[in-house]
C-alpha cells in the first residue's frame, strides 16, 4: 500500500524558512515522480513543485521559483521541499503526491496521481 506522510509544517514569520518532508512507505519512492501541492480553503489546489523519478529533473511554479527547492533522498525514501523567503501568501496546507507516470512532472498540476499524503499546515504570519 502506497503511503505518504508529510511533516515539517508550522508557523513562521515572513522571510523565514521551513523544510517539509514527504516520507514514503510501501513502495520505493525512486520509481515515482513526486509533486508538492498546496491548497487554501475555498481555492483550487496549486502545483508547487515536482521531481522526476528517473533523472531527478525538477519543476517549479513561477510563484515559488528561486525560493523553494525540491530534492529527494532515495536512501531515506523521502522527498523534501526547502522553502525560504516565505511570504504570507505561501500559507496553505501542503501535501505531496506520487505518480508512476514517466511524464507526470511535465503536467503535474492537472494530472491525477497514484497516492497523496494528508498534508501539513504552513502558516506565514507575523
Foldseek 3Di string as FASTA:
>chain_A
DWAWAKDWADEAAQQAKIKMKIAIPPDQQLLWKKWKWWDDPPDDIDTAKIFANPPRDIDGDPVQPPFWDWDDDRVRRMIMIIGGSDDQVVWGWMKMFIANDRCCRVPVRPDDGDDMHPTDTHGYHD
